Amino acid sequence: MRAEIERLVEEIKQSVGLLRRHLDVDKSTARLAELNKLAEDPNLWNDPQKAQKLMQERTSLEDSLSGIGKVEQQLEDDIGMIELGEAEGDTGVVAEAEAALKALKKEVARRELEALLSGEADGFDSYLEVHAGAGGTESQDWAQMLLRMYTRWAETHGFKVEFLEESEGEEAGIKSATIQVSGHNAYGWLKTEAGVHRLVRISPFDSNARRHTSFSSVAVFPVIDDSIKIDIKESDVRTDTMRSGGAGGQHVNKTESAVRLTHIPTGVAVVCQAGRSQHKNRAQAWDMLRARLYQMELKRREEKAAADQAAKTDIGWGHQIRSYVLQPYQMVKDLRTGVQTSDTSGVLDGELDDFMAATLAQRAFGTPGADIEDVD
């Protein structure tokens, strides 16, 4: 094999070795066998809280162990294809297998980062909120674009997306929206996206076709289970009910059932309008409120995580974490890590993994943030 391919194979093998050591494969395999046996117990669901925790651990271990196995098998297959192609002088087969190796290296790098998602809430499902900044229709349209971007990212990764609240703009777009993203490590990945996002484009709402800058913010917080106790005094919470709004029946129910809870001591407010009954929306809103307050506690305990997750800054200049420039050139640039791409359509269609991975690596390895210039 060429030196370049040999080096690539060796890098993948080293990464797989690190993954195996991090996971402690023998210990994890034994634990998975134990969990599988416990899962067969017909009395398991007599204690739903315990059962849910057990099944989450089982799913996590299955994913990690099967992932390593798939990588090792793919590496063996690719090496075999290269050796076969070289023996038969088939450069096409060699090139195809080399491309597969490069893709495998990216997959291993992703799994290495995912192995670092060991924060207290990283494995949880996630709530994600989008809020339009000042600027009326422009920002509201941008907020809707962001909502679609995250929905596409989630769907591409096999996560389940549920719309909990959506407040439409007067002319176009949305003022705010909340979705729940369910899947393994959903919060661990999405927490990197919290902050202000800036868009520069020729406005479709400006008859003079001028360039506009718009801002919208993204807030991310984990969906917590019953094993995490968050005590909230009912006297500290104001409850408001209202008619559900939104862009259409496919996301929200338009009846007198929407519920807003405001935690008076902190000012934290949540809204749920997805259910058809006020009772169901109230229960969901309480879960969301507990999750928001839990996330605030996480932020107090984790200073570095707070820098990435903070969502209470002004939605405007000087606070953005990423800029999306569509005119006069195409560029998306992350102002925390410096990662950038000219594939703006891909990013807006949910291709966010490179940005997320870079931010996770920066946090995990303590890489200092350089002075990164924004794009015009």
Protein backbone atom coordinates (compact mmCIF):
# COMPACT_ATOMS: atom_id res chain seq x y z
CA MET A 1 0.00 0.00 0.00
CA ARG A 2 1.07 3.59 -0.61
CA ALA A 3 2.57 5.43 2.34
CA GLU A 4 -0.41 7.80 2.47
CA ILE A 5 -2.89 4.91 2.77
CA GLU A 6 -0.72 3.14 5.36
CA ARG A 7 -0.63 6.32 7.43
CA LEU A 8 -4.41 6.68 7.19
CA VAL A 9 -4.93 3.06 8.28
CA GLU A 10 -2.56 3.52 11.22
CA GLU A 11 -4.37 6.69 12.36
CA ILE A 12 -7.71 4.87 12.29
CA LYS A 13 -6.27 1.94 14.24
CA GLN A 14 -4.88 4.30 16.89
CA SER A 15 -8.23 6.06 17.20
CA VAL A 16 -10.05 2.73 17.54
CA GLY A 17 -7.57 1.74 20.26
CA LEU A 18 -8.33 4.94 22.15
CA LEU A 19 -12.07 4.30 21.82
CA ARG A 20 -11.69 0.73 23.13
CA ARG A 21 -9.66 1.92 26.14
CA HIS A 22 -12.05 4.78 26.87
CA LEU A 23 -15.03 2.45 26.77
CA ASP A 24 -13.22 -0.45 28.53
CA VAL A 25 -14.74 -2.95 26.08
CA ASP A 26 -14.50 -6.04 28.30
CA LYS A 27 -16.14 -4.31 31.25
CA SER A 28 -18.80 -2.67 29.05
CA THR A 29 -19.61 -5.98 27.31
CA ALA A 30 -20.14 -7.66 30.69
CA ARG A 31 -22.31 -4.76 31.84
CA LEU A 32 -24.40 -4.92 28.65
CA ALA A 33 -25.01 -8.66 29.18
CA GLU A 34 -26.17 -7.84 32.71
CA LEU A 35 -28.49 -5.10 31.45
CA ASN A 36 -29.95 -7.39 28.77
CA LYS A 37 -30.75 -9.95 31.45
CA LEU A 38 -32.40 -7.30 33.64
CA ALA A 39 -34.42 -6.05 30.66
CA GLU A 40 -36.02 -9.49 30.34
CA ASP A 41 -37.46 -9.26 33.84
CA PRO A 42 -41.27 -8.90 33.46
CA ASN A 43 -41.38 -6.87 36.68
CA LEU A 44 -38.91 -4.28 35.39
CA TRP A 45 -41.56 -1.71 34.46
CA ASN A 46 -43.18 -1.86 37.89
CA ASP A 47 -40.68 0.90 38.61
CA PRO A 48 -40.83 3.09 35.45
CA GLN A 49 -38.10 5.47 36.66
CA LYS A 50 -35.63 2.64 37.26
CA ALA A 51 -36.61 0.92 34.02
CA GLN A 52 -36.12 4.08 31.95
CA LYS A 53 -32.67 4.67 33.41
CA LEU A 54 -31.68 1.05 32.76
CA MET A 55 -32.88 1.14 29.16
CA GLN A 56 -31.04 4.41 28.49
CA GLU A 57 -27.79 2.89 29.78
CA ARG A 58 -28.40 -0.22 27.69
CA THR A 59 -29.00 1.80 24.51
CA SER A 60 -25.88 3.88 25.12
CA LEU A 61 -23.66 0.82 25.63
CA GLU A 62 -25.14 -0.99 22.62
CA ASP A 63 -24.49 2.03 20.42
CA SER A 64 -20.90 2.45 21.63
CA LEU A 65 -19.96 -1.23 21.38
CA SER A 66 -21.64 -1.85 18.03
CA GLY A 67 -20.08 1.36 16.70
CA ILE A 68 -16.56 0.13 17.47
CA GLY A 69 -17.35 -3.25 15.93
CA LYS A 70 -18.66 -1.66 12.74
CA VAL A 71 -15.58 0.57 12.44
CA GLU A 72 -13.21 -2.38 12.87
CA GLN A 73 -15.12 -4.47 10.30
CA GLN A 74 -15.21 -1.58 7.82
CA LEU A 75 -11.48 -0.99 8.25
CA GLU A 76 -10.77 -4.68 7.58
CA ASP A 77 -13.01 -4.64 4.49
CA ASP A 78 -11.39 -1.47 3.10
CA ILE A 79 -7.86 -2.83 3.59
CA GLY A 80 -8.90 -6.05 1.85
CA MET A 81 -10.34 -4.11 -1.09
CA ILE A 82 -7.16 -2.06 -1.45
CA GLU A 83 -4.97 -5.17 -1.40
CA LEU A 84 -7.22 -6.86 -3.95
CA GLY A 85 -7.28 -3.79 -6.19
CA GLU A 86 -3.50 -3.45 -6.07
CA ALA A 87 -3.00 -7.15 -6.82
CA GLU A 88 -5.25 -6.90 -9.88
CA GLY A 89 -4.01 -3.46 -10.94
CA ASP A 90 -7.52 -1.99 -10.57
CA THR A 91 -6.93 1.66 -9.65
CA GLY A 92 -10.66 2.33 -9.52
CA VAL A 93 -11.19 -0.18 -6.71
CA VAL A 94 -8.19 1.23 -4.83
CA ALA A 95 -9.49 4.81 -5.16
CA GLU A 96 -12.96 3.77 -4.00
CA ALA A 97 -11.57 1.97 -0.94
CA GLU A 98 -9.29 4.91 -0.13
CA ALA A 99 -12.28 7.26 -0.21
CA ALA A 100 -14.09 4.87 2.14
CA LEU A 101 -11.10 4.98 4.51
CA LYS A 102 -11.20 8.78 4.60
CA ALA A 103 -14.92 8.69 5.40
CA LEU A 104 -14.22 6.09 8.09
CA LYS A 105 -11.59 8.37 9.64
CA LYS A 106 -14.22 11.11 9.96
CA GLU A 107 -16.64 8.65 11.55
CA VAL A 108 -14.00 7.55 14.07
CA ALA A 109 -13.17 11.18 14.87
CA ARG A 110 -16.86 11.81 15.50
CA ARG A 111 -17.06 8.80 17.82
CA GLU A 112 -13.96 9.97 19.67
CA LEU A 113 -15.69 13.27 20.36
CA GLU A 114 -18.93 11.54 21.26
CA ALA A 115 -16.99 9.46 23.79
CA LEU A 116 -16.11 12.74 25.46
CA LEU A 117 -19.79 13.57 25.94
CA SER A 118 -19.62 12.52 29.55
CA GLY A 119 -21.26 15.58 31.08
CA GLU A 120 -24.03 15.03 33.57
CA ALA A 121 -26.76 15.74 31.01
CA ASP A 122 -25.03 15.04 27.67
CA GLY A 123 -26.87 11.79 27.03
CA PHE A 124 -30.30 13.34 27.55
CA ASP A 125 -32.88 14.42 24.99
CA SER A 126 -32.91 18.16 24.36
CA TYR A 127 -35.22 21.14 24.15
CA LEU A 128 -34.19 23.73 21.59
CA GLU A 129 -35.68 27.24 21.42
CA VAL A 130 -35.28 29.76 18.61
CA HIS A 131 -36.05 33.45 19.23
CA ALA A 132 -36.08 36.20 16.62
CA GLY A 133 -34.05 39.29 17.47
CA ALA A 134 -34.92 42.92 16.82
CA GLY A 135 -35.69 43.66 13.19
CA GLY A 136 -39.23 42.47 12.63
CA THR A 137 -39.89 40.39 9.54
CA GLU A 138 -36.20 40.00 8.64
CA SER A 139 -35.25 38.41 11.97
CA GLN A 140 -38.46 36.40 12.14
CA ASP A 141 -37.76 34.88 8.73
CA TRP A 142 -34.19 34.12 9.86
CA ALA A 143 -35.54 32.44 13.01
CA GLN A 144 -37.67 30.16 10.85
CA MET A 145 -34.63 29.32 8.70
CA LEU A 146 -32.71 28.36 11.85
CA LEU A 147 -35.59 26.22 13.08
CA ARG A 148 -35.63 24.35 9.78
CA MET A 149 -31.83 23.95 9.93
CA TYR A 150 -31.94 22.24 13.32
CA THR A 151 -34.96 20.14 12.38
CA ARG A 152 -33.10 18.90 9.29
CA TRP A 153 -29.96 18.18 11.34
CA ALA A 154 -31.98 16.15 13.85
CA GLU A 155 -33.86 14.18 11.20
CA THR A 156 -30.65 13.40 9.32
CA HIS A 157 -29.18 11.91 12.50
CA GLY A 158 -32.23 9.80 13.22
CA PHE A 159 -33.51 11.92 16.10
CA LYS A 160 -37.20 12.38 16.76
CA VAL A 161 -38.46 15.99 16.59
CA GLU A 162 -41.59 17.21 18.35
CA PHE A 163 -42.87 20.79 18.06
CA LEU A 164 -43.93 22.15 21.46
CA GLU A 165 -44.50 25.84 20.72
CA GLU A 166 -44.44 28.07 17.66
CA SER A 167 -45.38 31.75 17.54
CA GLU A 168 -45.65 33.01 13.98
CA GLY A 169 -44.51 36.42 12.79
CA GLU A 170 -46.91 39.10 11.59
CA GLU A 171 -45.87 38.85 7.92
CA ALA A 172 -43.49 35.90 7.68
CA GLY A 173 -41.31 33.63 9.77
CA ILE A 174 -41.63 33.04 13.49
CA LYS A 175 -41.15 35.09 16.64
CA SER A 176 -40.19 32.00 18.61
CA ALA A 177 -40.44 28.22 18.60
CA THR A 178 -39.57 25.32 20.87
CA ILE A 179 -38.87 21.77 19.75
CA GLN A 180 -37.92 18.62 21.62
CA VAL A 181 -35.16 16.55 20.01
CA SER A 182 -35.09 12.96 21.26
CA GLY A 183 -32.18 10.59 20.75
CA HIS A 184 -28.89 9.41 22.21
CA ASN A 185 -26.66 12.38 23.14
CA ALA A 186 -29.07 14.89 21.61
CA TYR A 187 -28.29 17.47 24.30
CA GLY A 188 -24.56 16.75 24.20
CA TRP A 189 -24.42 17.74 20.54
CA LEU A 190 -26.98 20.53 20.47
CA LYS A 191 -25.63 22.40 23.50
CA THR A 192 -22.83 23.65 21.23
CA GLU A 193 -25.39 25.64 19.24
CA ALA A 194 -26.66 27.89 22.04
CA GLY A 195 -26.06 31.57 21.35
CA VAL A 196 -26.72 34.31 18.83
CA HIS A 197 -26.66 33.56 15.08
CA ARG A 198 -26.13 36.35 12.51
CA LEU A 199 -27.39 36.36 8.91
CA VAL A 200 -26.26 38.68 6.10
CA ARG A 201 -28.22 38.57 2.81
CA ILE A 202 -30.14 40.53 0.20
CA SER A 203 -33.52 40.87 1.84
CA PRO A 204 -36.42 39.17 0.03
CA PHE A 205 -38.67 41.68 1.81
CA ASP A 206 -36.86 44.81 0.60
CA SER A 207 -38.13 46.15 -2.74
CA ASN A 208 -34.80 47.96 -3.17
CA ALA A 209 -32.87 44.67 -2.83
CA ARG A 210 -30.56 46.01 -0.13
CA ARG A 211 -28.30 43.90 2.05
CA HIS A 212 -29.63 43.28 5.56
CA THR A 213 -28.14 41.85 8.75
CA SER A 214 -30.45 39.85 11.02
CA PHE A 215 -29.98 38.18 14.39
CA SER A 216 -31.75 35.30 16.12
CA SER A 217 -30.83 33.39 19.26
CA VAL A 218 -30.84 29.70 20.07
CA ALA A 219 -31.29 28.31 23.59
CA VAL A 220 -30.68 24.66 24.41
CA PHE A 221 -31.49 22.79 27.62
CA PRO A 222 -31.74 19.09 28.55
CA VAL A 223 -34.89 17.05 28.98
CA ILE A 224 -34.39 15.71 32.50
CA ASP A 225 -35.88 12.52 33.93
CA ASP A 226 -37.34 11.78 37.33
CA SER A 227 -33.95 10.78 38.72
CA ILE A 228 -33.01 14.48 38.83
CA LYS A 229 -34.94 16.35 41.49
CA ILE A 230 -35.63 20.04 40.92
CA ASP A 231 -37.78 21.53 43.67
CA ILE A 232 -39.89 24.49 42.59
CA LYS A 233 -42.37 26.24 44.87
CA GLU A 234 -45.71 26.59 43.15
CA SER A 235 -46.05 30.03 44.75
CA ASP A 236 -42.96 31.09 42.76
CA VAL A 237 -44.60 30.23 39.44
CA ARG A 238 -47.16 32.30 37.56
CA THR A 239 -49.43 30.37 35.20
CA ASP A 240 -51.02 31.97 32.14
CA THR A 241 -53.30 30.24 29.65
CA MET A 242 -53.96 31.46 26.12
CA ARG A 243 -55.11 30.44 22.69
CA SER A 244 -52.49 28.44 20.82
CA GLY A 245 -50.94 30.10 17.79
CA GLY A 246 -48.47 28.93 15.20
CA ALA A 247 -47.99 28.50 11.50
CA GLY A 248 -50.30 25.56 11.06
CA GLY A 249 -52.03 22.51 12.39
CA GLN A 250 -49.16 20.14 11.65
CA HIS A 251 -47.09 21.55 14.51
CA VAL A 252 -49.42 23.00 17.11
CA ASN A 253 -53.02 22.80 18.22
CA LYS A 254 -54.99 26.05 17.91
CA THR A 255 -57.34 25.92 20.91
CA GLU A 256 -57.64 27.60 24.31
CA SER A 257 -55.04 25.18 25.68
CA ALA A 258 -51.63 26.86 25.52
CA VAL A 259 -49.86 27.25 28.88
CA ARG A 260 -47.09 29.67 29.86
CA LEU A 261 -45.23 29.22 33.16
CA THR A 262 -43.04 32.01 34.53
CA HIS A 263 -40.62 31.33 37.39
CA ILE A 264 -40.80 34.66 39.20
CA PRO A 265 -37.44 34.54 41.10
CA THR A 266 -35.42 33.94 37.91
CA GLY A 267 -37.71 35.33 35.21
CA VAL A 268 -37.46 32.05 33.27
CA ALA A 269 -40.58 31.47 31.15
CA VAL A 270 -41.64 28.45 29.11
CA VAL A 271 -44.59 27.91 26.77
CA CYS A 272 -46.21 24.68 25.60
CA GLN A 273 -49.09 24.47 23.12
CA ALA A 274 -48.51 21.15 21.36
CA GLY A 275 -51.16 19.11 23.19
CA ARG A 276 -54.90 19.30 22.66
CA SER A 277 -55.60 19.55 26.38
CA GLN A 278 -54.57 22.28 28.77
CA HIS A 279 -53.77 19.58 31.34
CA LYS A 280 -51.24 17.91 29.05
CA ASN A 281 -49.64 21.22 28.08
CA ARG A 282 -49.39 22.25 31.73
CA ALA A 283 -47.58 18.99 32.61
CA GLN A 284 -45.20 19.42 29.66
CA ALA A 285 -44.55 23.06 30.61
CA TRP A 286 -43.63 22.03 34.16
CA ASP A 287 -41.15 19.50 32.73
CA MET A 288 -39.67 22.24 30.55
CA LEU A 289 -39.43 24.66 33.47
CA ARG A 290 -37.64 22.09 35.63
CA ALA A 291 -35.28 21.42 32.73
CA ARG A 292 -34.53 25.14 32.29
CA LEU A 293 -33.76 25.60 35.98
CA TYR A 294 -31.61 22.46 35.95
CA GLN A 295 -29.66 23.83 33.01
CA MET A 296 -29.10 27.08 34.90
CA GLU A 297 -27.62 25.03 37.74
CA LEU A 298 -25.36 23.20 35.26
CA LYS A 299 -24.19 26.56 33.95
CA ARG A 300 -23.30 27.75 37.43
CA ARG A 301 -21.27 24.59 38.07
CA GLU A 302 -19.55 24.42 34.69
CA GLU A 303 -17.96 27.73 33.80
CA LYS A 304 -16.58 26.58 30.47
CA ALA A 305 -19.90 24.98 29.46
CA ALA A 306 -21.63 28.20 30.45
CA ALA A 307 -19.61 30.15 27.88
CA ASP A 308 -20.95 27.89 25.12
CA GLN A 309 -24.47 27.49 26.38
CA ALA A 310 -25.30 31.02 27.55
CA ALA A 311 -28.37 32.30 25.77
CA LYS A 312 -29.23 35.43 27.72
CA THR A 313 -26.98 37.88 25.93
CA ASP A 314 -28.37 40.62 23.70
CA ILE A 315 -29.47 39.32 20.31
CA GLY A 316 -27.26 41.62 18.29
CA TRP A 317 -23.75 42.75 17.36
CA GLY A 318 -20.85 41.52 19.44
CA HIS A 319 -22.64 38.49 20.83
CA GLN A 320 -22.94 36.18 17.82
CA ILE A 321 -21.33 32.74 17.88
CA ARG A 322 -21.65 32.22 14.13
CA SER A 323 -22.20 34.33 11.02
CA TYR A 324 -23.98 33.19 7.86
CA VAL A 325 -23.16 35.41 4.88
CA LEU A 326 -25.17 34.82 1.70
CA GLN A 327 -24.30 38.07 -0.14
CA PRO A 328 -22.04 39.26 -1.76
CA TYR A 329 -20.22 35.93 -1.23
CA GLN A 330 -21.11 32.61 0.44
CA MET A 331 -19.58 31.91 3.86
CA VAL A 332 -20.57 30.45 7.24
CA LYS A 333 -18.00 31.07 9.96
CA ASP A 334 -17.98 30.05 13.62
CA LEU A 335 -16.49 32.81 15.74
CA ARG A 336 -15.50 30.50 18.61
CA THR A 337 -13.44 27.94 16.67
CA GLY A 338 -12.73 29.60 13.31
CA VAL A 339 -14.34 26.72 11.38
CA GLN A 340 -15.81 28.02 8.13
CA THR A 341 -17.32 26.78 4.88
CA SER A 342 -18.61 28.23 1.63
CA ASP A 343 -21.32 25.56 1.44
CA THR A 344 -24.01 27.80 2.92
CA SER A 345 -26.89 25.81 1.42
CA GLY A 346 -25.54 22.62 3.00
CA VAL A 347 -25.27 24.26 6.42
CA LEU A 348 -28.76 25.71 6.23
CA ASP A 349 -29.96 22.24 5.26
CA GLY A 350 -28.59 20.84 8.53
CA GLU A 351 -24.94 20.00 7.82
CA LEU A 352 -23.65 21.19 11.21
CA ASP A 353 -21.42 18.32 12.34
CA ASP A 354 -18.10 20.06 11.62
CA PHE A 355 -19.12 23.10 13.68
CA MET A 356 -20.40 20.97 16.55
CA ALA A 357 -17.33 18.72 16.56
CA ALA A 358 -14.93 21.67 16.64
CA THR A 359 -16.76 23.28 19.56
CA LEU A 360 -16.86 19.98 21.46
CA ALA A 361 -13.14 19.46 20.87
CA GLN A 362 -12.38 23.00 22.02
CA ARG A 363 -14.31 22.37 25.21
CA ALA A 364 -12.98 18.86 25.82
CA PHE A 365 -9.32 19.64 25.24
CA GLY A 366 -9.34 23.16 26.63
CA THR A 367 -8.17 24.72 23.37
CA PRO A 368 -8.07 28.47 23.95
CA GLY A 369 -10.31 30.49 21.68
CA ALA A 370 -8.26 32.62 19.35
CA ASP A 371 -9.16 36.16 18.34
CA ILE A 372 -11.31 35.24 15.37
CA GLU A 373 -12.48 37.97 13.05
CA ASP A 374 -16.08 38.03 11.93
CA VAL A 375 -17.02 38.07 8.24
CA ASP A 376 -18.59 41.14 6.67
